[in-house]
Amino acid sequence: MKKIFTVITACQILPLLFACCLAAASTANPVLRNLNHTTLSPETEKVTMQLNGAHSPTIFTLKGDTPRIVFDFPGMIQARTVANSTQVDGKMVQRIRVGMHTGDEPKTRVVLDVASLDGVTFTPHLDEQAQVLTVLITASTATPELKAEGKKTAVTTQPAPPIHETPSPETTPTFEPLPAPAERPIEVATAPALTPETTQPRLLNISFDPTAAQGEMVLFKLNGFFPPSVRGVEEGNPRVICDFDAVELADTVGNTIEADGRYVKNIRVGKHTNPERVRVVLDLEPNKSYDLQQVFFREDNLFVMIVNTLEDGQPFNAPVQ
């Protein structure tokens, strides 16, 4: 079976995350757990977004040839059960797309592709107790009405920010996984230049967590914001290579870390010279197609590699805890 590596990167500042312990990483993030579309009547449709907390998005619309309603959730990640693109049979909502944006302001973007915005209104309601955002999309002849239990918080929509119809790659959401070419490095970020006052970059610890809801996680603890360059190798034994340039290795980090997970079988650590770097290799189970996600929790100096599988180009279907 052909092996495919898909990489999504995120270098970000996420306050309060990983504040308690590393094992809580999979549940501390804001998570989009599930998405559903329902046609209530010829004039009314409903989209429900199951979250893991009372997370309010920024909402705006984009007109033009491809009218759409956009929901931006700051700092949120996408559960494996949420498809990147779902075709629906609504009269107004025709497709739902989900993508993770990276950069200085990471977010998950949910886009409702609609047939038209003319004569269409949408009413969002956030039920904090149920942790559900419900959006009613109605034609001009219908009056939206929503009955729900628990405390509700109104979500205020905002005017659309200036967005070109042909966005630059830096602002375009990743709606579908793309395979990374073998042996081609995928740069996560550029480490800041060292000054006399800057601490010497050091990799302090590497740990493995096979119980995370988003996939098997390898956690790298550093002493600053020093993200690695990451690439996937498909030929022979599949593996992920993380190169920490100009980074020292703490004496407490061993050369081999046994993982024995479903996907990550072994973790190898080595020091390289010319150029100076620490290389960490994740040996993966062969004959699978892999989805790799990278997150850097800048305030905690923690880089996380999330390893998951793809089935027919879609995220691995597994329950979200």
Protein backbone atom coordinates (compact mmCIF):
# COMPACT_ATOMS: atom_id res chain seq x y z
CA MET A 1 0.00 0.00 0.00
CA LYS A 2 1.37 3.40 -0.89
CA LYS A 3 2.29 5.50 2.10
CA ILE A 4 1.31 9.15 2.16
CA PHE A 5 2.53 11.82 4.58
CA THR A 6 0.30 14.81 5.19
CA VAL A 7 1.70 17.59 7.36
CA ILE A 8 -0.16 20.44 9.04
CA THR A 9 1.98 22.88 11.01
CA ALA A 10 1.08 25.27 13.78
CA CYS A 11 3.58 27.46 15.64
CA GLN A 12 1.59 29.43 18.12
CA ILE A 13 1.02 31.01 21.48
CA LEU A 14 -1.82 29.26 23.32
CA PRO A 15 -2.20 30.56 26.88
CA LEU A 16 -3.21 28.19 29.67
CA LEU A 17 -2.59 25.06 27.56
CA PHE A 18 -0.35 22.39 29.05
CA ALA A 19 -0.49 24.28 32.33
CA CYS A 20 -1.24 21.21 34.39
CA CYS A 21 0.65 18.30 32.80
CA LEU A 22 1.72 16.91 29.47
CA ALA A 23 -0.83 14.12 29.58
CA ALA A 24 -3.60 16.68 29.48
CA ALA A 25 -2.47 18.03 26.11
CA SER A 26 -5.14 16.21 24.12
CA THR A 27 -8.02 17.63 26.19
CA ALA A 28 -6.73 21.16 26.98
CA ASN A 29 -7.05 22.43 23.42
CA PRO A 30 -10.28 23.92 22.13
CA VAL A 31 -11.59 21.15 19.87
CA LEU A 32 -14.18 21.02 17.12
CA ARG A 33 -15.59 17.56 17.86
CA ASN A 34 -18.37 17.15 15.33
CA LEU A 35 -20.37 18.88 12.57
CA ASN A 36 -23.91 18.18 11.39
CA HIS A 37 -26.26 19.69 8.82
CA THR A 38 -30.04 19.25 8.93
CA THR A 39 -32.79 20.56 6.65
CA LEU A 40 -35.67 21.57 8.93
CA SER A 41 -37.93 22.92 6.19
CA PRO A 42 -37.64 24.28 2.64
CA GLU A 43 -36.83 27.69 4.18
CA THR A 44 -34.73 26.68 7.21
CA GLU A 45 -31.54 24.67 7.64
CA LYS A 46 -29.50 24.00 10.75
CA VAL A 47 -25.78 23.46 11.25
CA THR A 48 -24.59 22.25 14.65
CA MET A 49 -20.97 22.33 15.81
CA GLN A 50 -20.13 20.17 18.82
CA LEU A 51 -17.27 21.73 20.79
CA ASN A 52 -15.45 20.84 24.01
CA GLY A 53 -16.29 24.13 25.73
CA ALA A 54 -17.98 27.51 25.31
CA HIS A 55 -15.80 28.70 22.44
CA SER A 56 -17.18 31.70 20.53
CA PRO A 57 -16.06 32.18 16.92
CA THR A 58 -15.65 35.26 14.81
CA ILE A 59 -18.28 35.12 12.06
CA PHE A 60 -18.40 36.93 8.74
CA THR A 61 -19.66 36.46 5.19
CA LEU A 62 -17.95 36.61 1.81
CA LYS A 63 -19.91 37.40 -1.33
CA GLY A 64 -18.98 36.96 -4.96
CA ASP A 65 -19.08 33.93 -7.22
CA THR A 66 -18.67 31.57 -4.24
CA PRO A 67 -20.73 33.08 -1.40
CA ARG A 68 -19.96 31.65 2.00
CA ILE A 69 -20.39 32.06 5.75
CA VAL A 70 -17.13 31.80 7.70
CA PHE A 71 -16.58 30.83 11.35
CA ASP A 72 -13.10 31.36 12.82
CA PHE A 73 -12.34 29.59 16.15
CA PRO A 74 -9.07 30.97 17.63
CA GLY A 75 -6.58 28.34 18.84
CA MET A 76 -8.93 25.46 18.02
CA ILE A 77 -7.95 22.10 16.53
CA GLN A 78 -10.03 19.75 14.41
CA ALA A 79 -11.02 16.32 15.71
CA ARG A 80 -10.19 13.33 13.54
CA THR A 81 -13.90 12.56 13.08
CA VAL A 82 -14.51 15.91 11.38
CA ALA A 83 -14.08 15.65 7.60
CA ASN A 84 -12.24 18.39 5.75
CA SER A 85 -15.03 18.68 3.17
CA THR A 86 -18.63 17.47 3.35
CA GLN A 87 -21.17 17.78 0.53
CA VAL A 88 -24.68 18.38 1.89
CA ASP A 89 -28.07 18.37 0.19
CA GLY A 90 -29.40 21.66 1.53
CA LYS A 91 -31.19 24.19 -0.62
CA MET A 92 -29.02 26.96 0.85
CA VAL A 93 -25.97 25.21 2.35
CA GLN A 94 -24.28 23.11 -0.32
CA ARG A 95 -20.95 22.18 1.24
CA ILE A 96 -19.14 22.47 4.60
CA ARG A 97 -15.36 22.83 4.66
CA VAL A 98 -13.02 22.74 7.65
CA GLY A 99 -9.37 23.76 7.73
CA MET A 100 -6.69 24.59 10.28
CA HIS A 101 -4.85 27.90 9.84
CA THR A 102 -1.32 28.26 11.19
CA GLY A 103 0.93 31.20 11.91
CA ASP A 104 0.93 33.84 14.62
CA GLU A 105 -2.84 33.54 15.10
CA PRO A 106 -3.72 29.84 14.66
CA LYS A 107 -7.35 28.91 14.27
CA THR A 108 -9.79 26.41 12.84
CA ARG A 109 -11.99 27.83 10.08
CA VAL A 110 -15.42 26.39 9.24
CA VAL A 111 -16.84 27.54 5.90
CA LEU A 112 -20.45 27.07 4.80
CA ASP A 113 -20.60 27.29 1.00
CA VAL A 114 -24.08 28.60 0.23
CA ALA A 115 -26.00 28.93 -3.01
CA SER A 116 -26.56 32.64 -2.37
CA LEU A 117 -26.52 35.21 0.43
CA ASP A 118 -29.35 37.22 -1.11
CA GLY A 119 -32.43 37.02 1.09
CA VAL A 120 -30.67 34.66 3.50
CA THR A 121 -30.13 35.29 7.20
CA PHE A 122 -28.24 33.19 9.73
CA THR A 123 -28.68 33.14 13.50
CA PRO A 124 -25.96 31.61 15.71
CA HIS A 125 -26.66 30.44 19.27
CA LEU A 126 -23.96 29.14 21.62
CA ASP A 127 -25.26 26.80 24.31
CA GLU A 128 -22.51 26.91 26.95
CA GLN A 129 -23.91 24.02 28.98
CA ALA A 130 -24.26 21.67 26.00
CA GLN A 131 -21.08 23.07 24.38
CA VAL A 132 -22.88 23.31 21.04
CA LEU A 133 -22.94 26.16 18.53
CA THR A 134 -26.16 26.02 16.51
CA VAL A 135 -26.57 28.10 13.36
CA LEU A 136 -30.00 28.50 11.76
CA ILE A 137 -29.89 29.52 8.10
CA THR A 138 -33.23 30.85 6.90
CA ALA A 139 -34.73 32.26 3.73
CA SER A 140 -36.25 35.74 3.95
CA THR A 141 -39.78 34.32 4.24
CA ALA A 142 -38.97 32.24 7.32
CA THR A 143 -38.50 33.37 10.92
CA PRO A 144 -35.69 31.55 12.76
CA GLU A 145 -36.60 29.99 16.09
CA LEU A 146 -34.41 27.90 18.35
CA LYS A 147 -35.35 26.02 21.50
CA ALA A 148 -32.56 24.67 23.63
CA GLU A 149 -31.77 23.92 27.23
CA GLY A 150 -28.99 25.48 29.27
CA LYS A 151 -27.32 28.85 29.29
CA LYS A 152 -26.99 30.53 25.90
CA THR A 153 -24.51 33.15 24.84
CA ALA A 154 -25.20 35.21 21.76
CA VAL A 155 -22.45 35.16 19.18
CA THR A 156 -21.89 38.58 17.65
CA THR A 157 -21.04 38.56 13.99
CA GLN A 158 -18.38 40.90 12.68
CA PRO A 159 -17.95 42.61 9.30
CA ALA A 160 -15.84 40.68 6.85
CA PRO A 161 -12.17 41.60 7.05
CA PRO A 162 -10.51 42.66 3.80
CA ILE A 163 -9.92 39.34 2.04
CA HIS A 164 -8.96 39.06 -1.61
CA GLU A 165 -10.92 36.63 -3.71
CA THR A 166 -7.56 35.00 -4.50
CA PRO A 167 -5.90 34.84 -1.06
CA SER A 168 -2.18 34.42 -0.64
CA PRO A 169 -0.95 30.99 0.48
CA GLU A 170 -0.17 32.39 3.93
CA THR A 171 -3.84 33.13 4.61
CA THR A 172 -5.45 30.26 2.75
CA PRO A 173 -6.87 27.53 5.04
CA THR A 174 -5.77 23.96 4.49
CA PHE A 175 -9.06 22.33 3.62
CA GLU A 176 -7.73 19.01 2.41
CA PRO A 177 -4.64 17.03 3.39
CA LEU A 178 -1.84 17.14 0.82
CA PRO A 179 0.89 14.49 0.61
CA ALA A 180 4.37 15.77 1.38
CA PRO A 181 7.06 14.70 -1.14
CA ALA A 182 9.54 12.18 0.20
CA GLU A 183 12.86 13.54 1.43
CA ARG A 184 11.71 17.15 1.02
CA PRO A 185 11.94 19.16 4.26
CA ILE A 186 8.84 21.00 5.38
CA GLU A 187 9.92 24.02 7.36
CA VAL A 188 7.85 24.72 10.46
CA ALA A 189 9.39 28.02 11.44
CA THR A 190 12.71 29.77 11.60
CA ALA A 191 14.31 29.80 15.01
CA PRO A 192 15.23 33.27 16.26
CA ALA A 193 18.83 34.40 15.91
CA LEU A 194 20.90 34.03 19.05
CA THR A 195 22.24 37.06 20.88
CA PRO A 196 24.62 37.16 23.86
CA GLU A 197 21.58 37.44 26.12
CA THR A 198 19.78 34.46 24.52
CA THR A 199 19.88 31.09 26.25
CA GLN A 200 21.69 28.36 24.32
CA PRO A 201 18.96 26.27 22.63
CA ARG A 202 18.57 22.93 24.35
CA LEU A 203 16.30 19.91 23.93
CA LEU A 204 15.49 18.93 27.51
CA ASN A 205 13.15 15.97 27.23
CA ILE A 206 11.27 13.70 24.79
CA SER A 207 8.18 11.74 25.82
CA PHE A 208 5.58 9.60 24.07
CA ASP A 209 1.83 9.59 24.70
CA PRO A 210 -0.18 6.86 22.90
CA THR A 211 -3.49 7.75 24.63
CA ALA A 212 -4.24 11.18 23.12
CA ALA A 213 -7.59 11.57 21.38
CA GLN A 214 -6.06 13.27 18.32
CA GLY A 215 -3.50 10.50 17.69
CA GLU A 216 -0.19 9.29 19.11
CA MET A 217 1.81 12.24 20.40
CA VAL A 218 5.55 12.78 20.72
CA LEU A 219 6.32 15.72 23.01
CA PHE A 220 9.57 17.68 22.86
CA LYS A 221 10.39 19.95 25.81
CA LEU A 222 12.87 22.75 25.01
CA ASN A 223 14.19 25.82 26.81
CA GLY A 224 12.82 28.31 24.27
CA PHE A 225 11.07 28.72 20.94
CA PHE A 226 13.26 26.50 18.75
CA PRO A 227 10.95 24.53 16.41
CA PRO A 228 12.49 21.87 14.18
CA SER A 229 12.26 21.30 10.46
CA VAL A 230 10.21 18.18 9.76
CA ARG A 231 10.05 15.81 6.80
CA GLY A 232 8.52 12.43 6.12
CA VAL A 233 10.30 9.55 4.37
CA GLU A 234 8.10 7.03 2.57
CA GLU A 235 10.65 4.67 1.01
CA GLY A 236 11.70 1.57 2.94
CA ASN A 237 10.79 1.90 6.58
CA PRO A 238 8.48 4.93 6.91
CA ARG A 239 9.75 7.53 9.34
CA VAL A 240 9.49 11.14 10.38
CA ILE A 241 12.69 13.17 10.76
CA CYS A 242 12.80 16.19 13.08
CA ASP A 243 15.96 18.32 12.82
CA PHE A 244 16.64 20.81 15.62
CA ASP A 245 19.34 23.05 14.16
CA ALA A 246 21.96 24.55 16.50
CA VAL A 247 20.29 22.88 19.49
CA GLU A 248 22.12 21.06 22.27
CA LEU A 249 20.86 17.78 23.69
CA ALA A 250 20.42 17.37 27.44
CA ASP A 251 22.41 14.51 28.98
CA THR A 252 19.18 13.02 30.36
CA VAL A 253 17.80 12.31 26.87
CA GLY A 254 18.66 8.79 25.74
CA ASN A 255 19.59 7.65 22.26
CA THR A 256 16.53 5.40 21.96
CA ILE A 257 13.03 5.72 23.35
CA GLU A 258 10.80 2.67 22.98
CA ALA A 259 7.30 3.71 21.96
CA ASP A 260 5.68 0.48 20.72
CA GLY A 261 2.54 2.38 19.74
CA ARG A 262 0.08 1.52 17.00
CA TYR A 263 1.86 3.96 14.66
CA VAL A 264 5.07 5.11 16.35
CA LYS A 265 7.21 2.05 17.01
CA ASN A 266 10.52 3.59 18.06
CA ILE A 267 12.12 7.01 18.66
CA ARG A 268 15.83 7.48 17.85
CA VAL A 269 17.89 10.47 18.92
CA GLY A 270 21.30 11.49 17.58
CA LYS A 271 23.74 14.40 17.60
CA HIS A 272 25.02 15.62 14.22
CA THR A 273 27.86 17.97 13.34
CA ASN A 274 28.52 20.04 10.24
CA PRO A 275 25.93 21.41 10.58
CA GLU A 276 25.35 21.23 14.32
CA ARG A 277 21.95 19.74 15.04
CA VAL A 278 19.95 17.20 17.03
CA ARG A 279 18.05 14.74 14.85
CA VAL A 280 15.07 12.80 16.18
CA VAL A 281 13.67 9.99 14.02
CA LEU A 282 10.22 8.49 14.58
CA ASP A 283 10.07 4.97 13.12
CA LEU A 284 6.51 4.26 11.99
CA GLU A 285 4.47 1.13 11.34
CA PRO A 286 4.81 0.29 7.61
CA ASN A 287 2.03 -0.03 5.03
CA LYS A 288 -0.06 2.86 6.32
CA SER A 289 -0.87 6.37 5.07
CA TYR A 290 0.02 8.93 7.69
CA ASP A 291 -1.31 12.33 8.74
CA LEU A 292 1.19 14.45 10.71
CA GLN A 293 0.25 17.51 12.72
CA GLN A 294 2.75 19.84 14.38
CA VAL A 295 1.95 22.24 17.21
CA PHE A 296 4.35 24.47 19.14
CA PHE A 297 3.07 25.75 22.49
CA ARG A 298 5.31 28.77 22.68
CA GLU A 299 4.62 29.83 26.25
CA ASP A 300 5.46 26.31 27.45
CA ASN A 301 8.41 25.77 25.07
CA LEU A 302 6.72 22.53 24.01
CA PHE A 303 6.74 21.12 20.48
CA VAL A 304 4.22 18.34 19.81
CA MET A 305 4.14 15.97 16.86
CA ILE A 306 0.76 14.23 16.44
CA VAL A 307 0.87 11.06 14.31
CA ASN A 308 -2.34 9.68 12.87
CA THR A 309 -3.41 7.68 9.81
CA LEU A 310 -5.46 8.55 6.74
CA GLU A 311 -8.09 6.32 5.19
CA ASP A 312 -8.91 7.17 1.57
CA GLY A 313 -7.62 10.69 2.09
CA GLN A 314 -9.86 11.38 5.09
CA PRO A 315 -8.85 11.62 8.75
CA PHE A 316 -8.74 8.30 10.59
CA ASN A 317 -12.19 7.53 11.97
CA ALA A 318 -11.80 7.11 15.71
CA PRO A 319 -13.90 8.25 18.69
CA VAL A 320 -13.03 11.56 20.31
CA GLN A 321 -12.67 11.38 24.06
